[in-house]
C-alpha cells in the first residue's frame, strides 16, 4: 500500500530532518526530508500532466527531433537526471532556489519573495541572472519536459490568486523561452492557493506558499 503523506505531516517531518532555511540549498537534507517536502507541488504537476488532453507523443517527438542526438534517453534516465541535477546544484548555489529530487523528477522551487514584487508578475531584475543559470542547464539537458507552475498563499480571493499564479508561471516560462528554450518543452499551469506547501496561518508558511516551481520530467 502506498503511504500518503499529508502536508502537515510533511512539514513536521521536514522540520525534524533539517535545520536550514529550505530555500538556501546550502546544508544537506536527509532523503526522508526531501521526500516529505516534495509532495504538494510536484504531486499536482504530475496529476496535471497525466490528465492533460494534449497529444504527448506528438509533443515528445517534436522535442526529441530538436534535441541532441534526436533520440529518447532510454535506459540511462537515472544517470541523465543525476547529471542534470548536479549541474543545477552547482549553478544555483546561494541563489535562493531549492532543488528537490523524487525518482527521475527534479523540482526547482523559486520563492515569490525573491522572484517577484508583492502582488506582481514582473520578474525581479536581480533574479534574471538565476533564471539565466537555469536556462543554461535546461538547454544542455534538452530531453526533459519543463512544467512551470505558480502557487500563492491564501490571502486575497480565489480568483485573484488563481490569476496571479498563472501570470507568474507565464512570466517565468516566457523568460526561459527567450533564453533559447524550446516552447514545445514548456508547460505552464497555475494552482492559485489550492496546493499549499505550508500553513497559511503563519507568515513563514505564507512565504513558503508564494512560489513558482519548475518541474523537469524526462522524455522517454
N, C-alpha and C. Protein backbone atom coordinates (compact mmCIF):
# COMPACT_ATOMS: atom_id res chain seq x y z
N UNK A 1 0.85 -1.19 0.00
CA UNK A 1 0.00 0.00 0.00
C UNK A 1 0.88 1.24 0.00
N UNK A 2 0.55 2.19 -0.90
CA UNK A 2 1.34 3.41 -0.98
C UNK A 2 1.05 4.31 0.20
N UNK A 3 2.07 4.79 0.85
CA UNK A 3 1.90 5.66 2.01
C UNK A 3 1.65 7.08 1.55
N UNK A 4 0.59 7.71 2.06
CA UNK A 4 0.25 9.08 1.71
C UNK A 4 0.71 9.99 2.83
N UNK A 5 1.49 11.00 2.50
CA UNK A 5 1.98 11.95 3.49
C UNK A 5 1.19 13.24 3.35
N UNK A 6 0.48 13.65 4.36
CA UNK A 6 -0.28 14.90 4.32
C UNK A 6 0.68 16.08 4.40
N UNK A 7 0.17 17.26 4.02
CA UNK A 7 1.01 18.45 4.07
C UNK A 7 1.50 18.71 5.48
N UNK A 8 0.62 18.58 6.47
CA UNK A 8 1.02 18.83 7.86
C UNK A 8 2.09 17.86 8.30
N UNK A 9 1.90 16.57 7.97
CA UNK A 9 2.89 15.56 8.35
C UNK A 9 4.22 15.82 7.66
N UNK A 10 4.15 16.23 6.40
CA UNK A 10 5.37 16.50 5.65
C UNK A 10 6.16 17.63 6.28
N UNK A 11 5.45 18.67 6.73
CA UNK A 11 6.14 19.80 7.34
C UNK A 11 6.81 19.42 8.65
N UNK A 12 6.13 18.62 9.47
CA UNK A 12 6.71 18.18 10.73
C UNK A 12 7.94 17.33 10.47
N UNK A 13 7.86 16.47 9.44
CA UNK A 13 8.98 15.60 9.11
C UNK A 13 10.15 16.41 8.59
N UNK A 14 9.85 17.42 7.78
CA UNK A 14 10.91 18.27 7.26
C UNK A 14 11.62 19.02 8.37
N UNK A 15 10.85 19.55 9.31
CA UNK A 15 11.46 20.30 10.41
C UNK A 15 12.33 19.39 11.27
N UNK A 16 11.97 18.11 11.36
CA UNK A 16 12.72 17.19 12.19
C UNK A 16 14.01 16.74 11.53
N UNK A 17 14.08 16.87 10.22
CA UNK A 17 15.22 16.31 9.49
C UNK A 17 16.20 17.35 8.98
N UNK A 18 15.90 18.63 9.14
CA UNK A 18 16.80 19.64 8.63
C UNK A 18 16.75 20.86 9.54
N UNK A 19 17.83 21.65 9.53
CA UNK A 19 17.88 22.82 10.40
C UNK A 19 18.14 24.11 9.62
N UNK A 20 18.04 24.04 8.28
CA UNK A 20 18.34 25.22 7.50
C UNK A 20 17.10 25.77 6.81
N UNK A 21 17.19 27.02 6.35
CA UNK A 21 16.14 27.62 5.54
C UNK A 21 16.00 26.78 4.28
N UNK A 22 14.81 26.23 3.98
CA UNK A 22 14.69 25.32 2.86
C UNK A 22 14.93 25.96 1.50
N UNK A 23 15.07 27.28 1.45
CA UNK A 23 15.34 27.93 0.18
C UNK A 23 16.82 28.26 -0.05
N UNK A 24 17.67 27.93 0.90
CA UNK A 24 19.08 28.24 0.70
C UNK A 24 19.80 27.15 -0.07
N UNK A 25 19.47 25.89 0.17
CA UNK A 25 20.13 24.79 -0.51
C UNK A 25 21.55 24.57 -0.06
N UNK A 26 21.94 25.15 1.06
CA UNK A 26 23.32 25.07 1.49
C UNK A 26 23.63 23.82 2.32
N UNK A 27 22.76 23.48 3.25
CA UNK A 27 23.03 22.34 4.11
C UNK A 27 22.43 21.08 3.54
N UNK A 28 22.97 19.93 3.93
CA UNK A 28 22.46 18.67 3.46
C UNK A 28 21.13 18.35 4.12
N UNK A 29 20.24 17.77 3.35
CA UNK A 29 18.94 17.36 3.86
C UNK A 29 18.83 15.85 3.69
N UNK A 30 18.26 15.18 4.67
CA UNK A 30 18.13 13.74 4.57
C UNK A 30 17.14 13.37 3.49
N UNK A 31 17.24 12.14 2.99
CA UNK A 31 16.34 11.66 1.95
C UNK A 31 14.90 11.68 2.43
N UNK A 32 14.69 11.41 3.73
CA UNK A 32 13.34 11.43 4.28
C UNK A 32 12.73 12.82 4.19
N UNK A 33 13.53 13.83 4.54
CA UNK A 33 13.04 15.20 4.50
C UNK A 33 12.73 15.63 3.08
N UNK A 34 13.59 15.27 2.13
CA UNK A 34 13.36 15.63 0.74
C UNK A 34 12.07 15.01 0.24
N UNK A 35 11.85 13.75 0.57
CA UNK A 35 10.63 13.08 0.14
C UNK A 35 9.39 13.72 0.72
N UNK A 36 9.48 14.16 1.98
CA UNK A 36 8.33 14.79 2.62
C UNK A 36 8.03 16.14 2.00
N UNK A 37 9.06 16.90 1.67
CA UNK A 37 8.87 18.25 1.17
C UNK A 37 8.42 18.29 -0.28
N UNK A 38 8.63 17.20 -1.01
CA UNK A 38 8.38 17.21 -2.45
C UNK A 38 6.93 17.03 -2.82
N UNK A 39 6.05 16.88 -1.82
CA UNK A 39 4.70 16.42 -2.09
C UNK A 39 3.75 17.36 -2.81
N UNK A 40 3.46 18.52 -2.22
CA UNK A 40 2.33 19.33 -2.68
C UNK A 40 2.42 19.74 -4.14
N UNK A 41 3.45 20.48 -4.49
CA UNK A 41 3.55 20.99 -5.86
C UNK A 41 3.84 19.92 -6.88
N UNK A 42 4.78 19.04 -6.58
CA UNK A 42 5.18 18.01 -7.53
C UNK A 42 4.03 17.05 -7.83
N UNK A 43 3.32 16.65 -6.79
CA UNK A 43 2.18 15.75 -7.00
C UNK A 43 1.12 16.39 -7.88
N UNK A 44 0.88 17.69 -7.70
CA UNK A 44 -0.10 18.40 -8.50
C UNK A 44 0.33 18.46 -9.96
N UNK A 45 1.62 18.67 -10.19
CA UNK A 45 2.14 18.75 -11.55
C UNK A 45 1.99 17.41 -12.27
N UNK A 46 2.34 16.33 -11.59
CA UNK A 46 2.24 15.01 -12.20
C UNK A 46 0.79 14.70 -12.56
N UNK A 47 -0.14 15.02 -11.67
CA UNK A 47 -1.56 14.80 -11.95
C UNK A 47 -2.01 15.64 -13.14
N UNK A 48 -1.51 16.87 -13.22
CA UNK A 48 -1.87 17.76 -14.33
C UNK A 48 -1.40 17.19 -15.66
N UNK A 49 -0.16 16.73 -15.70
CA UNK A 49 0.38 16.17 -16.94
C UNK A 49 -0.35 14.89 -17.32
N UNK A 50 -0.63 14.04 -16.35
CA UNK A 50 -1.32 12.78 -16.62
C UNK A 50 -2.73 13.00 -17.20
N UNK A 51 -3.38 14.08 -16.78
CA UNK A 51 -4.76 14.33 -17.21
C UNK A 51 -4.88 15.27 -18.39
N UNK A 52 -3.75 15.75 -18.90
CA UNK A 52 -3.80 16.73 -19.97
C UNK A 52 -4.24 16.08 -21.29
N UNK A 53 -5.04 16.80 -22.04
CA UNK A 53 -5.57 16.26 -23.29
C UNK A 53 -4.58 16.32 -24.44
N UNK A 54 -3.59 17.17 -24.32
CA UNK A 54 -2.64 17.36 -25.42
C UNK A 54 -1.97 16.05 -25.80
N UNK A 55 -1.74 15.85 -27.08
CA UNK A 55 -1.11 14.63 -27.57
C UNK A 55 0.36 14.63 -27.16
N UNK A 56 0.68 13.93 -26.09
CA UNK A 56 2.04 13.93 -25.57
C UNK A 56 3.03 13.27 -26.53
N UNK A 57 2.59 12.28 -27.28
CA UNK A 57 3.50 11.62 -28.22
C UNK A 57 3.99 12.58 -29.30
N UNK A 58 3.06 13.37 -29.83
CA UNK A 58 3.44 14.35 -30.85
C UNK A 58 4.39 15.38 -30.27
N UNK A 59 4.06 15.87 -29.08
CA UNK A 59 4.93 16.85 -28.41
C UNK A 59 6.31 16.28 -28.18
N UNK A 60 6.39 15.06 -27.65
CA UNK A 60 7.68 14.46 -27.35
C UNK A 60 8.51 14.24 -28.61
N UNK A 61 7.86 13.86 -29.71
CA UNK A 61 8.59 13.67 -30.96
C UNK A 61 9.19 14.98 -31.43
N UNK A 62 8.45 16.07 -31.28
CA UNK A 62 8.97 17.38 -31.69
C UNK A 62 10.17 17.77 -30.84
N UNK A 63 10.07 17.52 -29.54
CA UNK A 63 11.17 17.86 -28.65
C UNK A 63 12.41 17.05 -28.99
N UNK A 64 12.23 15.76 -29.16
CA UNK A 64 13.37 14.88 -29.44
C UNK A 64 13.99 15.18 -30.79
N UNK A 65 13.17 15.60 -31.75
CA UNK A 65 13.70 15.93 -33.07
C UNK A 65 14.69 17.09 -33.00
N UNK A 66 14.46 17.99 -32.05
CA UNK A 66 15.34 19.14 -31.90
C UNK A 66 16.43 18.91 -30.86
N UNK A 67 16.33 17.83 -30.10
CA UNK A 67 17.28 17.56 -29.03
C UNK A 67 18.57 16.96 -29.57
N UNK A 68 19.62 17.05 -28.76
CA UNK A 68 20.90 16.46 -29.12
C UNK A 68 20.74 14.96 -29.33
N UNK A 69 21.15 14.48 -30.49
CA UNK A 69 21.05 13.05 -30.77
C UNK A 69 19.73 12.62 -31.35
N UNK A 70 18.65 13.37 -31.07
CA UNK A 70 17.36 13.09 -31.65
C UNK A 70 16.66 11.84 -31.18
N UNK A 71 17.13 11.23 -30.08
CA UNK A 71 16.51 10.00 -29.57
C UNK A 71 16.18 10.16 -28.10
N UNK A 72 15.27 9.31 -27.62
CA UNK A 72 14.90 9.33 -26.21
C UNK A 72 16.07 8.92 -25.33
N UNK A 73 15.97 9.23 -24.05
CA UNK A 73 17.06 8.93 -23.12
C UNK A 73 17.29 7.43 -23.00
N UNK A 74 16.21 6.65 -23.03
CA UNK A 74 16.35 5.19 -22.93
C UNK A 74 16.65 4.74 -21.53
N UNK A 75 17.53 3.74 -21.41
CA UNK A 75 17.81 3.14 -20.11
C UNK A 75 18.68 3.97 -19.21
N UNK A 76 19.20 5.09 -19.70
CA UNK A 76 20.08 5.92 -18.89
C UNK A 76 19.39 7.09 -18.25
N UNK A 77 18.09 6.97 -17.99
CA UNK A 77 17.33 8.10 -17.44
C UNK A 77 17.92 8.56 -16.11
N UNK A 78 18.18 7.60 -15.21
CA UNK A 78 18.69 7.96 -13.89
C UNK A 78 19.98 8.74 -13.98
N UNK A 79 20.91 8.27 -14.81
CA UNK A 79 22.19 8.95 -14.97
C UNK A 79 22.00 10.34 -15.57
N UNK A 80 21.11 10.44 -16.57
CA UNK A 80 20.84 11.72 -17.23
C UNK A 80 20.31 12.75 -16.23
N UNK A 81 19.36 12.32 -15.41
CA UNK A 81 18.78 13.24 -14.44
C UNK A 81 19.76 13.53 -13.29
N UNK A 82 20.60 12.56 -12.93
CA UNK A 82 21.64 12.79 -11.93
C UNK A 82 22.59 13.89 -12.39
N UNK A 83 23.03 13.79 -13.64
CA UNK A 83 23.97 14.76 -14.18
C UNK A 83 23.33 16.15 -14.26
N UNK A 84 22.07 16.18 -14.65
CA UNK A 84 21.35 17.45 -14.74
C UNK A 84 21.18 18.08 -13.35
N UNK A 85 20.84 17.25 -12.37
CA UNK A 85 20.69 17.74 -11.01
C UNK A 85 22.00 18.31 -10.48
N UNK A 86 23.10 17.59 -10.72
CA UNK A 86 24.41 18.06 -10.24
C UNK A 86 24.76 19.41 -10.85
N UNK A 87 24.49 19.57 -12.14
CA UNK A 87 24.80 20.83 -12.81
C UNK A 87 23.92 21.96 -12.26
N UNK A 88 22.65 21.66 -12.02
CA UNK A 88 21.75 22.68 -11.46
C UNK A 88 22.20 23.10 -10.07
N UNK A 89 22.59 22.14 -9.24
CA UNK A 89 23.03 22.48 -7.88
C UNK A 89 24.28 23.36 -7.92
N UNK A 90 25.15 23.10 -8.86
CA UNK A 90 26.36 23.91 -8.99
C UNK A 90 26.01 25.32 -9.45
N UNK A 91 25.13 25.42 -10.44
CA UNK A 91 24.76 26.73 -10.99
C UNK A 91 23.94 27.56 -10.01
N UNK A 92 23.13 26.91 -9.18
CA UNK A 92 22.16 27.62 -8.35
C UNK A 92 22.56 27.75 -6.89
N UNK A 93 23.78 27.39 -6.57
CA UNK A 93 24.25 27.52 -5.20
C UNK A 93 24.16 28.98 -4.76
N UNK A 94 23.61 29.20 -3.56
CA UNK A 94 23.45 30.54 -3.00
C UNK A 94 22.43 31.41 -3.74
N UNK A 95 21.62 30.81 -4.61
CA UNK A 95 20.68 31.59 -5.41
C UNK A 95 19.35 31.83 -4.71
N UNK A 96 19.04 31.04 -3.68
CA UNK A 96 17.74 31.10 -3.05
C UNK A 96 16.75 30.10 -3.61
N UNK A 97 17.17 29.32 -4.61
CA UNK A 97 16.31 28.31 -5.22
C UNK A 97 16.55 26.96 -4.54
N UNK A 98 15.47 26.29 -4.16
CA UNK A 98 15.57 24.97 -3.56
C UNK A 98 15.42 23.92 -4.65
N UNK A 99 16.25 22.87 -4.59
CA UNK A 99 16.21 21.79 -5.57
C UNK A 99 15.79 20.51 -4.87
N UNK A 100 14.73 19.90 -5.36
CA UNK A 100 14.24 18.64 -4.81
C UNK A 100 14.32 17.56 -5.89
N UNK A 101 14.53 16.35 -5.45
CA UNK A 101 14.60 15.22 -6.38
C UNK A 101 13.70 14.11 -5.87
N UNK A 102 12.85 13.61 -6.74
CA UNK A 102 11.99 12.47 -6.41
C UNK A 102 12.01 11.51 -7.59
N UNK A 103 12.69 10.39 -7.44
CA UNK A 103 12.83 9.45 -8.55
C UNK A 103 13.55 10.10 -9.71
N UNK A 104 12.94 10.07 -10.88
CA UNK A 104 13.54 10.68 -12.07
C UNK A 104 13.01 12.08 -12.33
N UNK A 105 12.43 12.71 -11.33
CA UNK A 105 11.88 14.06 -11.47
C UNK A 105 12.70 15.03 -10.62
N UNK A 106 12.93 16.21 -11.18
CA UNK A 106 13.65 17.28 -10.48
C UNK A 106 12.70 18.46 -10.34
N UNK A 107 12.66 19.03 -9.14
CA UNK A 107 11.79 20.16 -8.87
C UNK A 107 12.61 21.34 -8.37
N UNK A 108 12.47 22.48 -9.03
CA UNK A 108 13.13 23.71 -8.59
C UNK A 108 12.06 24.61 -7.99
N UNK A 109 12.26 25.03 -6.75
CA UNK A 109 11.28 25.87 -6.06
C UNK A 109 11.84 27.28 -5.92
N UNK A 110 11.13 28.23 -6.50
CA UNK A 110 11.56 29.62 -6.50
C UNK A 110 10.59 30.44 -5.67
N UNK A 111 10.99 30.86 -4.47
CA UNK A 111 10.08 31.60 -3.60
C UNK A 111 9.71 32.95 -4.19
N UNK A 112 8.43 33.30 -4.07
CA UNK A 112 7.94 34.53 -4.67
C UNK A 112 8.59 35.78 -4.12
N UNK A 113 9.06 35.74 -2.86
CA UNK A 113 9.63 36.95 -2.28
C UNK A 113 10.96 37.35 -2.91
N UNK A 114 11.64 36.43 -3.60
CA UNK A 114 12.87 36.81 -4.29
C UNK A 114 12.68 36.85 -5.80
N UNK A 115 11.57 36.32 -6.29
CA UNK A 115 11.33 36.25 -7.73
C UNK A 115 10.47 37.41 -8.23
N UNK A 116 9.48 37.82 -7.41
CA UNK A 116 8.54 38.85 -7.82
C UNK A 116 8.32 39.86 -6.69
N UNK A 117 7.93 41.06 -7.07
CA UNK A 117 7.46 42.02 -6.07
C UNK A 117 6.08 41.58 -5.60
N UNK A 118 5.66 42.10 -4.45
CA UNK A 118 4.36 41.73 -3.91
C UNK A 118 3.25 42.02 -4.90
N UNK A 119 2.40 41.03 -5.12
CA UNK A 119 1.22 41.16 -5.97
C UNK A 119 1.57 41.51 -7.42
N UNK A 120 2.76 41.12 -7.86
CA UNK A 120 3.20 41.43 -9.23
C UNK A 120 3.65 40.15 -9.93
N UNK A 121 3.52 40.14 -11.26
CA UNK A 121 4.02 39.01 -12.04
C UNK A 121 5.24 39.40 -12.87
N UNK A 122 5.78 40.59 -12.59
CA UNK A 122 7.01 41.02 -13.26
C UNK A 122 8.22 40.47 -12.50
N UNK A 123 9.07 39.75 -13.20
CA UNK A 123 10.24 39.13 -12.57
C UNK A 123 11.20 40.20 -12.07
N UNK A 124 11.64 40.06 -10.82
CA UNK A 124 12.62 40.99 -10.28
C UNK A 124 13.88 40.99 -11.14
N UNK A 125 14.40 42.17 -11.42
CA UNK A 125 15.57 42.26 -12.29
C UNK A 125 16.79 41.54 -11.70
N UNK A 126 16.89 41.51 -10.37
CA UNK A 126 18.04 40.84 -9.75
C UNK A 126 17.88 39.32 -9.73
N UNK A 127 16.76 38.81 -10.24
CA UNK A 127 16.55 37.37 -10.30
C UNK A 127 16.77 36.81 -11.70
N UNK A 128 16.92 37.68 -12.69
CA UNK A 128 17.08 37.19 -14.06
C UNK A 128 18.37 36.40 -14.23
N UNK A 129 19.40 36.76 -13.47
CA UNK A 129 20.66 36.01 -13.59
C UNK A 129 20.48 34.57 -13.13
N UNK A 130 19.60 34.36 -12.14
CA UNK A 130 19.31 33.00 -11.67
C UNK A 130 18.60 32.22 -12.77
N UNK A 131 17.61 32.84 -13.40
CA UNK A 131 16.90 32.17 -14.49
C UNK A 131 17.82 31.91 -15.67
N UNK A 132 18.78 32.81 -15.89
CA UNK A 132 19.77 32.57 -16.94
C UNK A 132 20.57 31.31 -16.65
N UNK A 133 20.93 31.12 -15.38
CA UNK A 133 21.68 29.92 -14.99
C UNK A 133 20.84 28.67 -15.18
N UNK A 134 19.56 28.75 -14.84
CA UNK A 134 18.66 27.62 -15.06
C UNK A 134 18.58 27.30 -16.54
N UNK A 135 18.45 28.34 -17.37
CA UNK A 135 18.31 28.14 -18.81
C UNK A 135 19.53 27.48 -19.42
N UNK A 136 20.71 27.80 -18.92
CA UNK A 136 21.94 27.19 -19.44
C UNK A 136 21.88 25.68 -19.28
N UNK A 137 21.44 25.23 -18.11
CA UNK A 137 21.36 23.79 -17.85
C UNK A 137 20.23 23.16 -18.65
N UNK A 138 19.08 23.82 -18.74
CA UNK A 138 17.95 23.27 -19.47
C UNK A 138 18.26 23.14 -20.95
N UNK A 139 19.05 24.06 -21.47
CA UNK A 139 19.42 23.98 -22.89
C UNK A 139 20.37 22.80 -23.13
N UNK A 140 21.26 22.57 -22.19
CA UNK A 140 22.21 21.45 -22.33
C UNK A 140 21.50 20.11 -22.20
N UNK A 141 20.62 20.00 -21.21
CA UNK A 141 19.87 18.75 -20.98
C UNK A 141 18.48 18.95 -21.59
N UNK A 142 18.43 18.80 -22.90
CA UNK A 142 17.22 19.20 -23.63
C UNK A 142 16.24 18.06 -23.89
N UNK A 143 16.40 16.95 -23.19
CA UNK A 143 15.46 15.84 -23.34
C UNK A 143 14.55 15.73 -22.13
N UNK A 144 14.15 16.91 -21.63
CA UNK A 144 13.23 16.95 -20.49
C UNK A 144 12.07 17.88 -20.81
N UNK A 145 10.90 17.52 -20.29
CA UNK A 145 9.74 18.39 -20.34
C UNK A 145 9.83 19.33 -19.14
N UNK A 146 9.50 20.60 -19.36
CA UNK A 146 9.62 21.62 -18.31
C UNK A 146 8.22 22.13 -17.96
N UNK A 147 7.79 21.87 -16.75
CA UNK A 147 6.48 22.33 -16.30
C UNK A 147 6.68 23.47 -15.30
N UNK A 148 6.21 24.65 -15.65
CA UNK A 148 6.32 25.82 -14.77
C UNK A 148 4.97 26.02 -14.09
N UNK A 149 4.95 25.93 -12.77
CA UNK A 149 3.69 26.06 -12.05
C UNK A 149 3.76 27.19 -11.03
N UNK A 150 2.67 27.95 -10.94
CA UNK A 150 2.60 29.06 -10.00
C UNK A 150 1.71 28.72 -8.82
N UNK A 151 2.09 29.22 -7.63
CA UNK A 151 1.35 28.98 -6.39
C UNK A 151 1.29 30.27 -5.58
N UNK A 152 0.23 30.44 -4.81
CA UNK A 152 0.10 31.62 -3.94
C UNK A 152 -0.26 31.19 -2.53
N UNK A 153 -0.26 32.16 -1.61
CA UNK A 153 -0.81 31.90 -0.29
C UNK A 153 -2.32 32.11 -0.36
N UNK A 154 -3.01 32.08 0.77
CA UNK A 154 -4.47 32.14 0.76
C UNK A 154 -5.02 33.55 0.95
N UNK A 155 -4.15 34.56 1.00
CA UNK A 155 -4.64 35.93 1.12
C UNK A 155 -5.22 36.38 -0.22
N UNK A 156 -6.33 37.09 -0.18
CA UNK A 156 -6.97 37.52 -1.41
C UNK A 156 -8.02 36.52 -1.86
N UNK A 157 -8.73 36.87 -2.92
CA UNK A 157 -9.80 35.99 -3.41
C UNK A 157 -9.22 34.82 -4.20
N UNK A 158 -10.02 33.78 -4.32
CA UNK A 158 -9.60 32.62 -5.11
C UNK A 158 -9.31 33.02 -6.54
N UNK A 159 -10.15 33.87 -7.09
CA UNK A 159 -9.98 34.28 -8.48
C UNK A 159 -8.69 35.08 -8.68
N UNK A 160 -8.45 36.00 -7.75
CA UNK A 160 -7.23 36.81 -7.86
C UNK A 160 -5.98 35.94 -7.74
N UNK A 161 -5.97 35.03 -6.77
CA UNK A 161 -4.81 34.18 -6.56
C UNK A 161 -4.58 33.24 -7.74
N UNK A 162 -5.67 32.75 -8.32
CA UNK A 162 -5.52 31.88 -9.48
C UNK A 162 -4.88 32.64 -10.65
N UNK A 163 -5.39 33.84 -10.89
CA UNK A 163 -4.85 34.65 -11.99
C UNK A 163 -3.39 35.02 -11.75
N UNK A 164 -3.06 35.38 -10.50
CA UNK A 164 -1.69 35.75 -10.17
C UNK A 164 -0.75 34.57 -10.36
N UNK A 165 -1.17 33.37 -9.93
CA UNK A 165 -0.32 32.19 -10.08
C UNK A 165 -0.07 31.87 -11.54
N UNK A 166 -1.09 32.04 -12.38
CA UNK A 166 -0.93 31.79 -13.81
C UNK A 166 0.00 32.83 -14.45
N UNK A 167 -0.17 34.09 -14.05
CA UNK A 167 0.65 35.16 -14.63
C UNK A 167 2.12 35.00 -14.27
N UNK A 168 2.38 34.60 -13.02
CA UNK A 168 3.77 34.42 -12.59
C UNK A 168 4.41 33.22 -13.30
N UNK A 169 3.66 32.14 -13.46
CA UNK A 169 4.19 30.99 -14.18
C UNK A 169 4.45 31.36 -15.64
N UNK A 170 3.54 32.12 -16.23
CA UNK A 170 3.73 32.58 -17.61
C UNK A 170 4.99 33.42 -17.75
N UNK A 171 5.22 34.31 -16.78
CA UNK A 171 6.40 35.18 -16.84
C UNK A 171 7.68 34.38 -16.84
N UNK A 172 7.76 33.37 -15.97
CA UNK A 172 8.97 32.54 -15.90
C UNK A 172 9.13 31.73 -17.19
N UNK A 173 8.04 31.14 -17.68
CA UNK A 173 8.12 30.34 -18.91
C UNK A 173 8.52 31.21 -20.11
N UNK A 174 7.94 32.40 -20.19
CA UNK A 174 8.28 33.30 -21.30
C UNK A 174 9.74 33.73 -21.24
N UNK A 175 10.23 33.94 -20.02
CA UNK A 175 11.64 34.31 -19.89
C UNK A 175 12.54 33.18 -20.37
N UNK A 176 12.23 31.96 -19.96
CA UNK A 176 13.03 30.81 -20.38
C UNK A 176 12.96 30.63 -21.90
N UNK A 177 11.78 30.85 -22.47
CA UNK A 177 11.64 30.75 -23.91
C UNK A 177 12.53 31.76 -24.63
N UNK A 178 12.69 32.93 -24.02
CA UNK A 178 13.57 33.94 -24.58
C UNK A 178 15.04 33.63 -24.43
N UNK A 179 15.35 32.58 -23.65
CA UNK A 179 16.74 32.14 -23.45
C UNK A 179 17.02 30.84 -24.23
N UNK A 180 16.40 30.69 -25.38
CA UNK A 180 16.63 29.58 -26.32
C UNK A 180 16.03 28.24 -25.86
N UNK A 181 15.11 28.27 -24.91
CA UNK A 181 14.44 27.03 -24.50
C UNK A 181 13.23 26.83 -25.40
N UNK A 182 13.14 25.67 -26.05
CA UNK A 182 12.07 25.37 -26.99
C UNK A 182 10.70 25.54 -26.32
N UNK A 183 9.80 26.23 -26.99
CA UNK A 183 8.46 26.42 -26.44
C UNK A 183 7.72 25.10 -26.30
N UNK A 184 8.05 24.10 -27.16
CA UNK A 184 7.40 22.79 -27.08
C UNK A 184 7.71 22.08 -25.77
N UNK A 185 8.81 22.43 -25.15
CA UNK A 185 9.20 21.79 -23.89
C UNK A 185 8.47 22.38 -22.70
N UNK A 186 7.87 23.53 -22.86
CA UNK A 186 7.32 24.28 -21.74
C UNK A 186 5.82 24.06 -21.58
N UNK A 187 5.42 23.66 -20.39
CA UNK A 187 4.02 23.58 -19.99
C UNK A 187 3.83 24.55 -18.84
N UNK A 188 2.74 25.29 -18.84
CA UNK A 188 2.50 26.30 -17.82
C UNK A 188 1.16 26.04 -17.15
N UNK A 189 1.14 26.10 -15.82
CA UNK A 189 -0.10 25.89 -15.08
C UNK A 189 -0.07 26.74 -13.81
N UNK A 190 -1.22 27.26 -13.43
CA UNK A 190 -1.36 27.98 -12.17
C UNK A 190 -2.27 27.21 -11.23
N UNK A 191 -1.84 27.04 -9.99
CA UNK A 191 -2.64 26.34 -9.00
C UNK A 191 -3.24 27.27 -7.95
N UNK A 192 -2.97 28.57 -8.07
CA UNK A 192 -3.51 29.51 -7.10
C UNK A 192 -3.10 29.15 -5.69
N UNK A 193 -4.09 29.13 -4.79
CA UNK A 193 -3.82 28.82 -3.39
C UNK A 193 -4.15 27.37 -3.04
N UNK A 194 -4.44 26.54 -4.05
CA UNK A 194 -5.00 25.21 -3.80
C UNK A 194 -3.99 24.15 -3.39
N UNK A 195 -2.70 24.41 -3.58
CA UNK A 195 -1.67 23.42 -3.26
C UNK A 195 -0.63 23.99 -2.31
N UNK A 196 -1.02 24.33 -1.08
CA UNK A 196 -0.07 24.92 -0.14
C UNK A 196 1.01 23.93 0.27
N UNK A 197 2.21 24.44 0.46
CA UNK A 197 3.30 23.61 0.96
C UNK A 197 3.47 23.78 2.46
N UNK A 198 2.77 24.77 3.03
CA UNK A 198 2.90 25.06 4.46
C UNK A 198 1.60 25.68 4.96
N UNK A 199 1.58 26.00 6.25
CA UNK A 199 0.39 26.53 6.89
C UNK A 199 0.24 28.02 6.58
N UNK A 200 -0.89 28.39 6.00
CA UNK A 200 -1.13 29.79 5.65
C UNK A 200 -1.40 30.68 6.85
N UNK A 201 -1.51 30.11 8.06
CA UNK A 201 -1.81 30.90 9.26
C UNK A 201 -0.58 31.60 9.82
N UNK A 202 0.61 31.25 9.31
CA UNK A 202 1.83 31.89 9.79
C UNK A 202 2.51 32.63 8.64
N UNK A 203 3.27 33.67 8.99
CA UNK A 203 3.99 34.44 7.97
C UNK A 203 4.99 33.56 7.25
N UNK A 204 5.66 32.68 8.00
CA UNK A 204 6.64 31.78 7.40
C UNK A 204 5.97 30.82 6.42
N UNK A 205 4.81 30.31 6.82
CA UNK A 205 4.09 29.39 5.95
C UNK A 205 3.62 30.06 4.67
N UNK A 206 3.11 31.28 4.79
CA UNK A 206 2.65 32.00 3.60
C UNK A 206 3.80 32.29 2.65
N UNK A 207 4.98 32.58 3.21
CA UNK A 207 6.15 32.83 2.36
C UNK A 207 6.52 31.57 1.58
N UNK A 208 6.42 30.41 2.21
CA UNK A 208 6.71 29.15 1.52
C UNK A 208 5.69 28.87 0.42
N UNK A 209 4.47 29.30 0.63
CA UNK A 209 3.41 29.03 -0.34
C UNK A 209 3.47 29.93 -1.56
N UNK A 210 4.04 31.12 -1.42
CA UNK A 210 4.16 32.04 -2.55
C UNK A 210 5.40 31.66 -3.36
N UNK A 211 5.18 30.87 -4.38
CA UNK A 211 6.33 30.29 -5.08
C UNK A 211 5.99 29.96 -6.53
N UNK A 212 7.04 29.83 -7.33
CA UNK A 212 6.95 29.23 -8.67
C UNK A 212 7.84 28.00 -8.66
N UNK A 213 7.35 26.90 -9.20
CA UNK A 213 8.12 25.67 -9.27
C UNK A 213 8.38 25.31 -10.73
N UNK A 214 9.57 24.83 -10.99
CA UNK A 214 9.91 24.31 -12.31
C UNK A 214 10.20 22.82 -12.15
N UNK A 215 9.35 22.01 -12.75
CA UNK A 215 9.48 20.56 -12.64
C UNK A 215 10.02 20.00 -13.94
N UNK A 216 11.07 19.21 -13.84
CA UNK A 216 11.73 18.63 -15.02
C UNK A 216 11.40 17.15 -15.08
N UNK A 217 10.81 16.73 -16.19
CA UNK A 217 10.39 15.34 -16.37
C UNK A 217 11.11 14.77 -17.59
N UNK A 218 11.76 13.62 -17.46
CA UNK A 218 12.48 13.04 -18.60
C UNK A 218 11.53 12.58 -19.69
N UNK A 219 11.92 12.79 -20.94
CA UNK A 219 11.14 12.32 -22.08
C UNK A 219 11.63 10.94 -22.46
N UNK A 220 10.75 9.97 -22.45
CA UNK A 220 11.14 8.56 -22.71
C UNK A 220 10.42 8.04 -23.94
